[in-house]
Amino acid sequence: MASGFSSETAAWHARRFPWRSVLSALAVVLLAGCSVQPGTTAGGSPDASAGRSGARGSSAGEAVPHDLDMAVPSPPLPPTADDTSGAAALDVATRAVAAFARPGLDADTWWTELAPMLSPAAQAAYVGTDPAEIPVTGVSGEPHVVDDVSSPYLATVAVPTDSGVYAVLLSRTGAGAPWLIERLDPPATDPATLPRSPIDAPSTGPAA
């Protein structure tokens, strides 16, 4: 008789002890798991957690930028009182008084068109105004800059209206910043008494 297991014996063992094949398969799986390379799963696919830990490790040695190294914005340059800024002040003041002097408009339209020309403080002061109560209906003459050299950040423009001359105070925050209205002072003085600024004074030509 031949030594060892015959094919019939093997078949019998398979029928008699079917769980042994299960154990053998399990052993193969366990051995395969023990031989998995770092960074891969048992099926051979890359391990996502290993990649994340590697990414964390690689970033540990990278330099971290410091907020203190960031450049600090420079403050705005101071404005200059010249012909260009004077003309801009005249334009804003005239348009603001024209937008203000419209008692026939509804309140929403009146405010929507006037508010962008006002400073935040002036917006707080004039919001809620009923345009029907405004006693002026339009600009009636040429405005001029009142001679005020106290600060290049401020300007006063005299704007003639059908109810007298409004003195309009404007402000700006720096060079290149727009003029904004601070106050629209109603007529209180004769416009002839308001000093004129050299910015818009008529030229008399060179002295003879």
N, C-alpha and C. Protein backbone atom coordinates (compact mmCIF):
# COMPACT_ATOMS: atom_id res chain seq x y z
N MET A 1 0.85 -1.20 0.00
CA MET A 1 0.00 0.00 0.00
C MET A 1 0.87 1.23 0.00
N ALA A 2 0.53 2.21 -0.78
CA ALA A 2 1.35 3.43 -0.86
C ALA A 2 1.28 4.17 0.45
N SER A 3 2.45 4.76 0.81
CA SER A 3 2.52 5.51 2.05
C SER A 3 1.91 6.88 1.86
N GLY A 4 1.56 7.51 2.97
CA GLY A 4 1.02 8.88 2.93
C GLY A 4 -0.46 8.86 2.64
N PHE A 5 -0.96 10.05 2.56
CA PHE A 5 -2.39 10.22 2.31
C PHE A 5 -2.68 9.99 0.83
N SER A 6 -3.66 9.17 0.55
CA SER A 6 -4.14 9.02 -0.82
C SER A 6 -5.14 10.11 -1.10
N SER A 7 -5.55 10.18 -2.35
CA SER A 7 -6.54 11.20 -2.71
C SER A 7 -7.86 10.93 -2.03
N GLU A 8 -8.16 9.63 -1.82
CA GLU A 8 -9.39 9.30 -1.13
C GLU A 8 -9.34 9.73 0.33
N THR A 9 -8.13 9.56 0.96
CA THR A 9 -7.98 9.98 2.36
C THR A 9 -8.12 11.48 2.49
N ALA A 10 -7.53 12.17 1.56
CA ALA A 10 -7.63 13.64 1.59
C ALA A 10 -9.08 14.08 1.44
N ALA A 11 -9.79 13.38 0.57
CA ALA A 11 -11.19 13.73 0.38
C ALA A 11 -11.99 13.44 1.63
N TRP A 12 -11.63 12.34 2.27
CA TRP A 12 -12.35 11.98 3.51
C TRP A 12 -12.10 13.02 4.59
N HIS A 13 -10.85 13.42 4.72
CA HIS A 13 -10.52 14.45 5.73
C HIS A 13 -11.25 15.77 5.43
N ALA A 14 -11.38 16.02 4.17
CA ALA A 14 -12.09 17.25 3.81
C ALA A 14 -13.56 17.17 4.19
N ARG A 15 -14.12 15.95 4.00
CA ARG A 15 -15.52 15.79 4.38
C ARG A 15 -15.67 15.71 5.90
N ARG A 16 -14.72 15.10 6.57
CA ARG A 16 -14.82 14.86 8.01
C ARG A 16 -14.50 16.10 8.81
N PHE A 17 -13.53 16.79 8.36
CA PHE A 17 -13.11 17.99 9.10
C PHE A 17 -13.13 19.23 8.17
N PRO A 18 -14.29 19.68 7.78
CA PRO A 18 -14.35 20.84 6.86
C PRO A 18 -13.82 22.12 7.47
N TRP A 19 -13.83 22.20 8.78
CA TRP A 19 -13.35 23.42 9.42
C TRP A 19 -11.86 23.61 9.29
N ARG A 20 -11.15 22.48 8.96
CA ARG A 20 -9.70 22.60 8.85
C ARG A 20 -9.33 23.46 7.64
N SER A 21 -10.11 23.34 6.56
CA SER A 21 -9.81 24.19 5.40
C SER A 21 -10.06 25.66 5.71
N VAL A 22 -11.05 25.88 6.56
CA VAL A 22 -11.31 27.26 6.98
C VAL A 22 -10.15 27.80 7.78
N LEU A 23 -9.61 26.96 8.70
CA LEU A 23 -8.47 27.39 9.49
C LEU A 23 -7.26 27.66 8.62
N SER A 24 -7.08 26.80 7.62
CA SER A 24 -5.94 27.00 6.73
C SER A 24 -6.04 28.32 5.99
N ALA A 25 -7.25 28.59 5.49
CA ALA A 25 -7.43 29.87 4.79
C ALA A 25 -7.22 31.05 5.72
N LEU A 26 -7.70 30.92 6.96
CA LEU A 26 -7.52 31.99 7.94
C LEU A 26 -6.05 32.21 8.24
N ALA A 27 -5.30 31.09 8.32
CA ALA A 27 -3.87 31.21 8.59
C ALA A 27 -3.17 31.96 7.48
N VAL A 28 -3.58 31.67 6.23
CA VAL A 28 -2.97 32.37 5.10
C VAL A 28 -3.23 33.87 5.17
N VAL A 29 -4.48 34.20 5.55
CA VAL A 29 -4.83 35.63 5.66
C VAL A 29 -4.02 36.30 6.75
N LEU A 30 -3.88 35.61 7.90
CA LEU A 30 -3.12 36.18 9.00
C LEU A 30 -1.67 36.37 8.63
N LEU A 31 -1.10 35.39 7.95
CA LEU A 31 0.29 35.52 7.54
C LEU A 31 0.47 36.67 6.56
N ALA A 32 -0.51 36.80 5.67
CA ALA A 32 -0.43 37.91 4.72
C ALA A 32 -0.52 39.25 5.43
N GLY A 33 -1.35 39.29 6.47
CA GLY A 33 -1.47 40.53 7.23
C GLY A 33 -0.19 40.89 7.95
N CYS A 34 0.51 39.88 8.43
CA CYS A 34 1.77 40.14 9.15
C CYS A 34 2.83 40.66 8.22
N SER A 35 2.73 40.34 6.94
CA SER A 35 3.77 40.75 5.99
C SER A 35 3.43 42.04 5.26
N VAL A 36 2.34 42.76 5.66
CA VAL A 36 1.95 44.01 5.00
C VAL A 36 3.02 45.06 5.23
N GLN A 37 3.41 45.70 4.17
CA GLN A 37 4.42 46.75 4.27
C GLN A 37 3.82 48.00 4.91
N PRO A 38 4.63 48.76 5.63
CA PRO A 38 4.13 50.01 6.21
C PRO A 38 3.60 50.94 5.14
N GLY A 39 2.46 51.53 5.43
CA GLY A 39 1.87 52.47 4.48
C GLY A 39 0.89 51.84 3.52
N THR A 40 0.67 50.49 3.64
CA THR A 40 -0.31 49.83 2.78
C THR A 40 -1.27 49.06 3.64
N THR A 41 -2.44 48.70 3.07
CA THR A 41 -3.42 47.87 3.75
C THR A 41 -3.18 46.42 3.43
N ALA A 42 -3.96 45.57 4.03
CA ALA A 42 -3.80 44.14 3.78
C ALA A 42 -4.04 43.81 2.33
N GLY A 43 -4.87 44.52 1.65
CA GLY A 43 -5.14 44.27 0.24
C GLY A 43 -4.11 44.88 -0.68
N GLY A 44 -3.09 45.57 -0.13
CA GLY A 44 -2.05 46.16 -0.97
C GLY A 44 -2.29 47.59 -1.34
N SER A 45 -3.45 48.14 -0.96
CA SER A 45 -3.73 49.53 -1.31
C SER A 45 -3.09 50.46 -0.31
N PRO A 46 -2.77 51.69 -0.73
CA PRO A 46 -2.12 52.63 0.19
C PRO A 46 -2.99 52.93 1.40
N ASP A 47 -2.35 53.10 2.54
CA ASP A 47 -3.05 53.43 3.78
C ASP A 47 -3.18 54.94 3.89
N ALA A 48 -4.43 55.44 3.89
CA ALA A 48 -4.66 56.90 3.93
C ALA A 48 -4.13 57.52 5.20
N SER A 49 -4.26 56.77 6.32
CA SER A 49 -3.79 57.34 7.59
C SER A 49 -2.29 57.50 7.59
N ALA A 50 -1.59 56.57 6.90
CA ALA A 50 -0.14 56.69 6.84
C ALA A 50 0.25 57.94 6.07
N GLY A 51 -0.50 58.23 4.99
CA GLY A 51 -0.21 59.43 4.23
C GLY A 51 -0.44 60.68 5.03
N ARG A 52 -1.53 60.65 5.86
CA ARG A 52 -1.80 61.84 6.67
C ARG A 52 -0.71 62.05 7.70
N SER A 53 -0.26 60.96 8.33
CA SER A 53 0.78 61.12 9.35
C SER A 53 2.07 61.58 8.71
N GLY A 54 2.32 61.09 7.46
CA GLY A 54 3.53 61.52 6.77
C GLY A 54 3.46 62.99 6.43
N ALA A 55 2.27 63.42 6.03
CA ALA A 55 2.12 64.84 5.70
C ALA A 55 2.33 65.70 6.92
N ARG A 56 1.82 65.19 8.07
CA ARG A 56 2.03 65.98 9.28
C ARG A 56 3.51 66.03 9.63
N GLY A 57 4.17 64.92 9.42
CA GLY A 57 5.60 64.89 9.76
C GLY A 57 6.40 65.79 8.86
N SER A 58 6.04 65.83 7.56
CA SER A 58 6.81 66.64 6.64
C SER A 58 6.61 68.12 6.89
N SER A 59 5.41 68.49 7.39
CA SER A 59 5.15 69.91 7.61
C SER A 59 5.74 70.40 8.92
N ALA A 60 6.16 69.45 9.75
CA ALA A 60 6.65 69.86 11.06
C ALA A 60 7.91 70.69 10.94
N GLY A 61 8.72 70.37 9.90
CA GLY A 61 9.98 71.09 9.79
C GLY A 61 9.90 72.33 8.93
N GLU A 62 8.72 72.62 8.35
CA GLU A 62 8.58 73.79 7.51
C GLU A 62 8.49 75.06 8.34
N ALA A 63 9.02 76.13 7.77
CA ALA A 63 8.98 77.42 8.47
C ALA A 63 7.56 77.96 8.48
N VAL A 64 7.11 78.48 9.60
CA VAL A 64 5.78 79.07 9.74
C VAL A 64 5.91 80.58 9.68
N PRO A 65 5.19 81.22 8.73
CA PRO A 65 5.31 82.68 8.65
C PRO A 65 4.78 83.35 9.90
N HIS A 66 5.40 84.42 10.27
CA HIS A 66 5.00 85.17 11.46
C HIS A 66 4.22 86.42 11.05
N ASP A 67 3.12 86.67 11.74
CA ASP A 67 2.32 87.85 11.45
C ASP A 67 3.12 89.14 11.65
N LEU A 68 4.11 89.05 12.57
CA LEU A 68 4.88 90.25 12.87
C LEU A 68 5.75 90.66 11.69
N ASP A 69 6.00 89.71 10.77
CA ASP A 69 6.84 90.02 9.62
C ASP A 69 6.07 90.69 8.50
N MET A 70 4.73 90.76 8.62
CA MET A 70 3.92 91.36 7.57
C MET A 70 4.08 92.87 7.57
N ALA A 71 4.05 93.45 6.37
CA ALA A 71 4.22 94.89 6.25
C ALA A 71 3.00 95.62 6.81
N VAL A 72 3.25 96.69 7.55
CA VAL A 72 2.18 97.51 8.12
C VAL A 72 1.82 98.60 7.11
N PRO A 73 0.53 98.73 6.76
CA PRO A 73 0.15 99.76 5.78
C PRO A 73 0.56 101.15 6.23
N SER A 74 1.03 101.93 5.29
CA SER A 74 1.44 103.29 5.61
C SER A 74 0.20 104.18 5.79
N PRO A 75 0.27 105.16 6.68
CA PRO A 75 -0.86 106.08 6.84
C PRO A 75 -1.04 106.92 5.59
N PRO A 76 -2.26 107.41 5.32
CA PRO A 76 -2.48 108.23 4.12
C PRO A 76 -1.66 109.51 4.16
N LEU A 77 -1.22 109.94 2.99
CA LEU A 77 -0.45 111.17 2.90
C LEU A 77 -1.36 112.37 3.20
N PRO A 78 -0.80 113.42 3.78
CA PRO A 78 -1.63 114.60 4.06
C PRO A 78 -2.06 115.27 2.76
N PRO A 79 -3.26 115.85 2.73
CA PRO A 79 -3.73 116.53 1.52
C PRO A 79 -3.05 117.87 1.31
N THR A 80 -3.19 118.39 0.11
CA THR A 80 -2.63 119.68 -0.25
C THR A 80 -3.75 120.61 -0.70
N ALA A 81 -3.73 121.82 -0.20
CA ALA A 81 -4.72 122.83 -0.62
C ALA A 81 -4.21 123.49 -1.89
N ASP A 82 -4.78 123.10 -3.03
CA ASP A 82 -4.36 123.67 -4.31
C ASP A 82 -5.58 123.88 -5.20
N ASP A 83 -5.34 124.25 -6.44
CA ASP A 83 -6.46 124.52 -7.35
C ASP A 83 -7.31 123.28 -7.58
N THR A 84 -6.67 122.13 -7.68
CA THR A 84 -7.41 120.90 -7.94
C THR A 84 -8.34 120.54 -6.79
N SER A 85 -7.81 120.61 -5.56
CA SER A 85 -8.65 120.28 -4.40
C SER A 85 -9.74 121.32 -4.20
N GLY A 86 -9.44 122.60 -4.51
CA GLY A 86 -10.46 123.64 -4.40
C GLY A 86 -11.60 123.42 -5.38
N ALA A 87 -11.26 123.03 -6.61
CA ALA A 87 -12.29 122.77 -7.61
C ALA A 87 -13.14 121.57 -7.22
N ALA A 88 -12.50 120.56 -6.63
CA ALA A 88 -13.25 119.38 -6.19
C ALA A 88 -14.21 119.74 -5.06
N ALA A 89 -13.77 120.60 -4.13
CA ALA A 89 -14.64 121.04 -3.04
C ALA A 89 -15.84 121.82 -3.56
N LEU A 90 -15.59 122.71 -4.54
CA LEU A 90 -16.68 123.47 -5.15
C LEU A 90 -17.71 122.53 -5.78
N ASP A 91 -17.22 121.52 -6.49
CA ASP A 91 -18.13 120.60 -7.18
C ASP A 91 -18.99 119.82 -6.19
N VAL A 92 -18.36 119.26 -5.16
CA VAL A 92 -19.11 118.45 -4.19
C VAL A 92 -20.12 119.31 -3.44
N ALA A 93 -19.70 120.49 -3.01
CA ALA A 93 -20.60 121.37 -2.25
C ALA A 93 -21.81 121.78 -3.10
N THR A 94 -21.58 122.12 -4.36
CA THR A 94 -22.67 122.55 -5.23
C THR A 94 -23.65 121.40 -5.47
N ARG A 95 -23.12 120.21 -5.75
CA ARG A 95 -24.00 119.07 -5.99
C ARG A 95 -24.77 118.68 -4.73
N ALA A 96 -24.13 118.82 -3.57
CA ALA A 96 -24.81 118.47 -2.32
C ALA A 96 -25.97 119.43 -2.02
N VAL A 97 -25.73 120.73 -2.21
CA VAL A 97 -26.81 121.69 -1.97
C VAL A 97 -27.94 121.48 -2.98
N ALA A 98 -27.60 121.19 -4.23
CA ALA A 98 -28.63 120.93 -5.23
C ALA A 98 -29.46 119.70 -4.87
N ALA A 99 -28.79 118.67 -4.35
CA ALA A 99 -29.52 117.46 -3.93
C ALA A 99 -30.33 117.71 -2.67
N PHE A 100 -29.83 118.58 -1.80
CA PHE A 100 -30.52 118.90 -0.56
C PHE A 100 -31.77 119.74 -0.81
N ALA A 101 -31.67 120.69 -1.74
CA ALA A 101 -32.74 121.68 -1.96
C ALA A 101 -33.81 121.16 -2.91
N ARG A 102 -34.46 120.07 -2.55
CA ARG A 102 -35.54 119.52 -3.38
C ARG A 102 -36.70 119.07 -2.51
N PRO A 103 -37.45 120.03 -2.02
CA PRO A 103 -38.55 119.69 -1.11
C PRO A 103 -39.67 118.90 -1.77
N GLY A 104 -39.69 118.84 -3.09
CA GLY A 104 -40.77 118.12 -3.76
C GLY A 104 -40.53 116.62 -3.88
N LEU A 105 -39.32 116.14 -3.51
CA LEU A 105 -39.03 114.71 -3.62
C LEU A 105 -39.58 113.93 -2.44
N ASP A 106 -39.82 112.63 -2.69
CA ASP A 106 -40.16 111.77 -1.56
C ASP A 106 -38.91 111.54 -0.73
N ALA A 107 -39.10 111.20 0.54
CA ALA A 107 -37.98 111.11 1.49
C ALA A 107 -36.95 110.06 1.09
N ASP A 108 -37.39 108.92 0.57
CA ASP A 108 -36.45 107.85 0.22
C ASP A 108 -35.52 108.27 -0.92
N THR A 109 -36.09 108.84 -1.97
CA THR A 109 -35.27 109.29 -3.10
C THR A 109 -34.34 110.41 -2.69
N TRP A 110 -34.85 111.35 -1.92
CA TRP A 110 -34.05 112.48 -1.45
C TRP A 110 -32.83 111.98 -0.68
N TRP A 111 -33.04 111.04 0.24
CA TRP A 111 -31.94 110.54 1.07
C TRP A 111 -30.97 109.69 0.25
N THR A 112 -31.48 108.87 -0.64
CA THR A 112 -30.62 108.00 -1.44
C THR A 112 -29.63 108.80 -2.27
N GLU A 113 -30.05 109.96 -2.77
CA GLU A 113 -29.19 110.76 -3.63
C GLU A 113 -28.28 111.71 -2.84
N LEU A 114 -28.68 112.08 -1.65
CA LEU A 114 -27.86 113.00 -0.85
C LEU A 114 -26.83 112.25 0.02
N ALA A 115 -27.20 111.14 0.60
CA ALA A 115 -26.37 110.46 1.60
C ALA A 115 -24.95 110.14 1.15
N PRO A 116 -24.71 109.69 -0.10
CA PRO A 116 -23.33 109.37 -0.48
C PRO A 116 -22.36 110.54 -0.42
N MET A 117 -22.87 111.77 -0.43
CA MET A 117 -21.99 112.94 -0.37
C MET A 117 -21.74 113.42 1.05
N LEU A 118 -22.35 112.76 2.03
CA LEU A 118 -22.21 113.16 3.43
C LEU A 118 -21.19 112.28 4.16
N SER A 119 -20.52 112.88 5.13
CA SER A 119 -19.64 112.10 6.00
C SER A 119 -20.50 111.23 6.93
N PRO A 120 -19.91 110.22 7.58
CA PRO A 120 -20.71 109.41 8.51
C PRO A 120 -21.40 110.25 9.59
N ALA A 121 -20.71 111.27 10.11
CA ALA A 121 -21.32 112.11 11.13
C ALA A 121 -22.50 112.91 10.56
N ALA A 122 -22.34 113.41 9.34
CA ALA A 122 -23.43 114.16 8.72
C ALA A 122 -24.61 113.25 8.38
N GLN A 123 -24.33 112.03 7.96
CA GLN A 123 -25.41 111.09 7.69
C GLN A 123 -26.24 110.85 8.96
N ALA A 124 -25.55 110.71 10.09
CA ALA A 124 -26.27 110.50 11.36
C ALA A 124 -27.11 111.73 11.71
N ALA A 125 -26.62 112.91 11.34
CA ALA A 125 -27.34 114.14 11.69
C ALA A 125 -28.53 114.40 10.78
N TYR A 126 -28.42 114.06 9.50
CA TYR A 126 -29.46 114.41 8.54
C TYR A 126 -30.44 113.29 8.23
N VAL A 127 -30.13 112.07 8.66
CA VAL A 127 -31.05 110.98 8.37
C VAL A 127 -32.40 111.25 9.05
N GLY A 128 -33.47 110.94 8.37
CA GLY A 128 -34.81 111.18 8.93
C GLY A 128 -35.36 112.55 8.61
N THR A 129 -34.58 113.40 7.92
CA THR A 129 -35.07 114.73 7.56
C THR A 129 -36.25 114.62 6.59
N ASP A 130 -37.27 115.43 6.80
CA ASP A 130 -38.41 115.48 5.89
C ASP A 130 -38.12 116.55 4.85
N PRO A 131 -37.86 116.15 3.60
CA PRO A 131 -37.50 117.16 2.58
C PRO A 131 -38.59 118.20 2.36
N ALA A 132 -39.84 117.87 2.68
CA ALA A 132 -40.94 118.84 2.48
C ALA A 132 -40.76 120.07 3.34
N GLU A 133 -39.97 119.98 4.41
CA GLU A 133 -39.77 121.09 5.32
C GLU A 133 -38.57 121.96 4.95
N ILE A 134 -37.82 121.58 3.91
CA ILE A 134 -36.63 122.34 3.52
C ILE A 134 -37.05 123.62 2.79
N PRO A 135 -36.59 124.79 3.28
CA PRO A 135 -37.07 126.07 2.73
C PRO A 135 -36.27 126.58 1.54
N VAL A 136 -35.60 125.72 0.81
CA VAL A 136 -34.80 126.15 -0.33
C VAL A 136 -35.07 125.18 -1.48
N THR A 137 -35.07 125.73 -2.71
CA THR A 137 -35.45 124.88 -3.84
C THR A 137 -34.37 124.76 -4.92
N GLY A 138 -33.23 125.38 -4.74
CA GLY A 138 -32.19 125.20 -5.74
C GLY A 138 -31.04 126.18 -5.63
N VAL A 139 -29.96 125.88 -6.32
CA VAL A 139 -28.77 126.75 -6.38
C VAL A 139 -29.07 127.88 -7.35
N SER A 140 -28.69 129.10 -6.97
CA SER A 140 -29.04 130.26 -7.79
C SER A 140 -27.84 131.07 -8.26
N GLY A 141 -26.64 130.66 -7.98
CA GLY A 141 -25.48 131.45 -8.39
C GLY A 141 -24.20 130.63 -8.30
N GLU A 142 -23.08 131.27 -8.59
CA GLU A 142 -21.78 130.62 -8.59
C GLU A 142 -21.25 130.48 -7.15
N PRO A 143 -20.86 129.28 -6.75
CA PRO A 143 -20.29 129.10 -5.41
C PRO A 143 -18.83 129.56 -5.38
N HIS A 144 -18.32 129.80 -4.21
CA HIS A 144 -16.90 130.09 -4.06
C HIS A 144 -16.39 129.54 -2.75
N VAL A 145 -15.10 129.24 -2.74
CA VAL A 145 -14.47 128.70 -1.55
C VAL A 145 -14.18 129.83 -0.59
N VAL A 146 -14.61 129.67 0.64
CA VAL A 146 -14.34 130.68 1.67
C VAL A 146 -12.89 130.55 2.10
N ASP A 147 -12.23 131.69 2.28
CA ASP A 147 -10.81 131.69 2.64
C ASP A 147 -10.64 131.13 4.05
N ASP A 148 -10.18 129.89 4.12
CA ASP A 148 -9.99 129.23 5.41
C ASP A 148 -8.75 128.36 5.30
N VAL A 149 -7.67 128.80 5.90
CA VAL A 149 -6.40 128.08 5.81
C VAL A 149 -6.08 127.36 7.12
N SER A 150 -7.10 127.13 7.94
CA SER A 150 -6.85 126.50 9.24
C SER A 150 -6.37 125.06 9.08
N SER A 151 -6.83 124.34 8.05
CA SER A 151 -6.44 122.95 7.86
C SER A 151 -6.69 122.52 6.43
N PRO A 152 -5.73 121.82 5.80
CA PRO A 152 -5.97 121.31 4.44
C PRO A 152 -6.98 120.17 4.41
N TYR A 153 -7.38 119.71 5.60
CA TYR A 153 -8.38 118.65 5.67
C TYR A 153 -9.80 119.19 5.63
N LEU A 154 -9.96 120.52 5.72
CA LEU A 154 -11.29 121.13 5.76
C LEU A 154 -11.41 122.20 4.68
N ALA A 155 -12.64 122.44 4.26
CA ALA A 155 -12.92 123.53 3.34
C ALA A 155 -14.34 124.00 3.58
N THR A 156 -14.56 125.29 3.37
CA THR A 156 -15.90 125.86 3.46
C THR A 156 -16.23 126.51 2.13
N VAL A 157 -17.39 126.15 1.60
CA VAL A 157 -17.82 126.68 0.31
C VAL A 157 -19.14 127.43 0.50
N ALA A 158 -19.20 128.63 -0.02
CA ALA A 158 -20.43 129.43 0.00
C ALA A 158 -21.22 129.13 -1.27
N VAL A 159 -22.45 128.62 -1.10
CA VAL A 159 -23.27 128.24 -2.25
C VAL A 159 -24.54 129.08 -2.24
N PRO A 160 -24.71 130.02 -3.20
CA PRO A 160 -25.94 130.83 -3.26
C PRO A 160 -27.15 129.98 -3.64
N THR A 161 -28.28 130.23 -2.96
CA THR A 161 -29.54 129.55 -3.28
C THR A 161 -30.65 130.59 -3.36
N ASP A 162 -31.84 130.12 -3.72
CA ASP A 162 -32.96 131.05 -3.79
C ASP A 162 -33.44 131.49 -2.42
N SER A 163 -32.82 130.94 -1.36
CA SER A 163 -33.16 131.38 0.00
C SER A 163 -31.98 131.98 0.73
N GLY A 164 -30.92 132.29 -0.01
CA GLY A 164 -29.73 132.86 0.61
C GLY A 164 -28.53 131.95 0.38
N VAL A 165 -27.42 132.32 0.98
CA VAL A 165 -26.17 131.58 0.78
C VAL A 165 -25.99 130.54 1.87
N TYR A 166 -25.80 129.29 1.46
CA TYR A 166 -25.48 128.20 2.39
C TYR A 166 -23.97 128.11 2.53
N ALA A 167 -23.51 127.99 3.76
CA ALA A 167 -22.09 127.75 4.03
C ALA A 167 -21.91 126.25 4.23
N VAL A 168 -21.19 125.61 3.32
CA VAL A 168 -21.04 124.16 3.32
C VAL A 168 -19.65 123.79 3.83
N LEU A 169 -19.61 123.07 4.94
CA LEU A 169 -18.34 122.61 5.49
C LEU A 169 -18.05 121.21 4.98
N LEU A 170 -16.85 121.03 4.41
CA LEU A 170 -16.43 119.74 3.88
C LEU A 170 -15.18 119.25 4.60
N SER A 171 -14.96 117.94 4.56
CA SER A 171 -13.76 117.36 5.15
C SER A 171 -13.25 116.24 4.25
N ARG A 172 -11.96 115.91 4.42
CA ARG A 172 -11.36 114.77 3.72
C ARG A 172 -10.31 114.14 4.64
N THR A 173 -9.99 112.89 4.38
CA THR A 173 -9.11 112.15 5.31
C THR A 173 -7.66 112.12 4.88
N GLY A 174 -7.35 112.53 3.67
CA GLY A 174 -5.97 112.49 3.22
C GLY A 174 -5.87 112.82 1.75
N ALA A 175 -4.64 112.77 1.23
CA ALA A 175 -4.42 113.05 -0.18
C ALA A 175 -5.14 112.01 -1.03
N GLY A 176 -5.89 112.46 -2.02
CA GLY A 176 -6.63 111.55 -2.88
C GLY A 176 -7.98 111.14 -2.34
N ALA A 177 -8.26 111.42 -1.07
CA ALA A 177 -9.57 111.07 -0.49
C ALA A 177 -10.62 112.08 -0.96
N PRO A 178 -11.86 111.66 -1.13
CA PRO A 178 -12.89 112.59 -1.61
C PRO A 178 -13.33 113.56 -0.52
N TRP A 179 -13.79 114.72 -0.95
CA TRP A 179 -14.44 115.65 -0.03
C TRP A 179 -15.81 115.10 0.34
N LEU A 180 -16.16 115.22 1.62
CA LEU A 180 -17.49 114.83 2.08
C LEU A 180 -18.08 115.98 2.90
N ILE A 181 -19.39 116.11 2.86
CA ILE A 181 -20.08 117.20 3.54
C ILE A 181 -20.18 116.90 5.04
N GLU A 182 -19.79 117.88 5.85
CA GLU A 182 -19.98 117.78 7.30
C GLU A 182 -21.22 118.55 7.75
N ARG A 183 -21.43 119.75 7.16
CA ARG A 183 -22.59 120.57 7.55
C ARG A 183 -23.09 121.37 6.35
N LEU A 184 -24.38 121.58 6.31
CA LEU A 184 -25.01 122.50 5.36
C LEU A 184 -25.66 123.60 6.19
N ASP A 185 -24.89 124.66 6.45
CA ASP A 185 -25.39 125.73 7.32
C ASP A 185 -26.29 126.67 6.52
N PRO A 186 -27.51 126.90 7.01
CA PRO A 186 -28.45 127.78 6.28
C PRO A 186 -27.96 129.23 6.28
N PRO A 187 -28.54 130.04 5.42
CA PRO A 187 -28.11 131.45 5.30
C PRO A 187 -28.16 132.18 6.63
N ALA A 188 -27.07 132.86 6.94
CA ALA A 188 -27.02 133.66 8.16
C ALA A 188 -26.34 134.98 7.93
N THR A 189 -25.61 135.09 6.82
CA THR A 189 -24.87 136.33 6.56
C THR A 189 -25.01 136.72 5.09
N ASP A 190 -24.70 137.94 4.81
CA ASP A 190 -24.68 138.42 3.44
C ASP A 190 -23.49 137.77 2.72
N PRO A 191 -23.72 137.12 1.56
CA PRO A 191 -22.61 136.45 0.87
C PRO A 191 -21.48 137.38 0.51
N ALA A 192 -21.77 138.66 0.37
CA ALA A 192 -20.71 139.61 0.02
C ALA A 192 -19.69 139.75 1.14
N THR A 193 -20.11 139.40 2.38
CA THR A 193 -19.19 139.55 3.52
C THR A 193 -18.32 138.30 3.71
N LEU A 194 -18.61 137.22 3.00
CA LEU A 194 -17.80 136.02 3.16
C LEU A 194 -16.51 136.18 2.36
N PRO A 195 -15.35 136.02 3.00
CA PRO A 195 -14.08 136.20 2.28
C PRO A 195 -13.92 135.13 1.21
N ARG A 196 -13.35 135.52 0.08
CA ARG A 196 -13.12 134.58 -1.01
C ARG A 196 -11.72 133.99 -0.89
N SER A 197 -11.62 132.72 -1.28
CA SER A 197 -10.32 132.06 -1.24
C SER A 197 -9.52 132.39 -2.48
N PRO A 198 -8.20 132.46 -2.36
CA PRO A 198 -7.38 132.68 -3.56
C PRO A 198 -7.56 131.57 -4.60
N ILE A 199 -8.07 130.42 -4.18
CA ILE A 199 -8.23 129.29 -5.09
C ILE A 199 -9.17 129.64 -6.23
N ASP A 200 -10.29 130.31 -5.93
CA ASP A 200 -11.25 130.60 -6.99
C ASP A 200 -11.43 132.10 -7.21
N ALA A 201 -10.54 132.90 -6.67
CA ALA A 201 -10.64 134.34 -6.89
C ALA A 201 -10.27 134.66 -8.34
N PRO A 202 -10.96 135.58 -8.98
CA PRO A 202 -10.63 135.91 -10.37
C PRO A 202 -9.24 136.53 -10.49
N SER A 203 -8.55 136.17 -11.55
CA SER A 203 -7.19 136.67 -11.74
C SER A 203 -7.25 138.11 -12.25
N THR A 204 -6.41 138.97 -11.68
CA THR A 204 -6.36 140.38 -12.11
C THR A 204 -5.17 140.65 -12.98
N GLY A 205 -4.35 139.58 -13.23
CA GLY A 205 -3.19 139.76 -14.09
C GLY A 205 -2.03 140.37 -13.31
N PRO A 206 -0.88 140.39 -13.91
CA PRO A 206 0.31 140.92 -13.21
C PRO A 206 0.20 142.41 -12.98
N ALA A 207 0.79 142.82 -11.92
CA ALA A 207 0.76 144.25 -11.59
C ALA A 207 1.54 145.05 -12.62
N ALA A 208 1.06 146.21 -12.93
CA ALA A 208 1.74 147.04 -13.93
C ALA A 208 3.02 147.60 -13.36
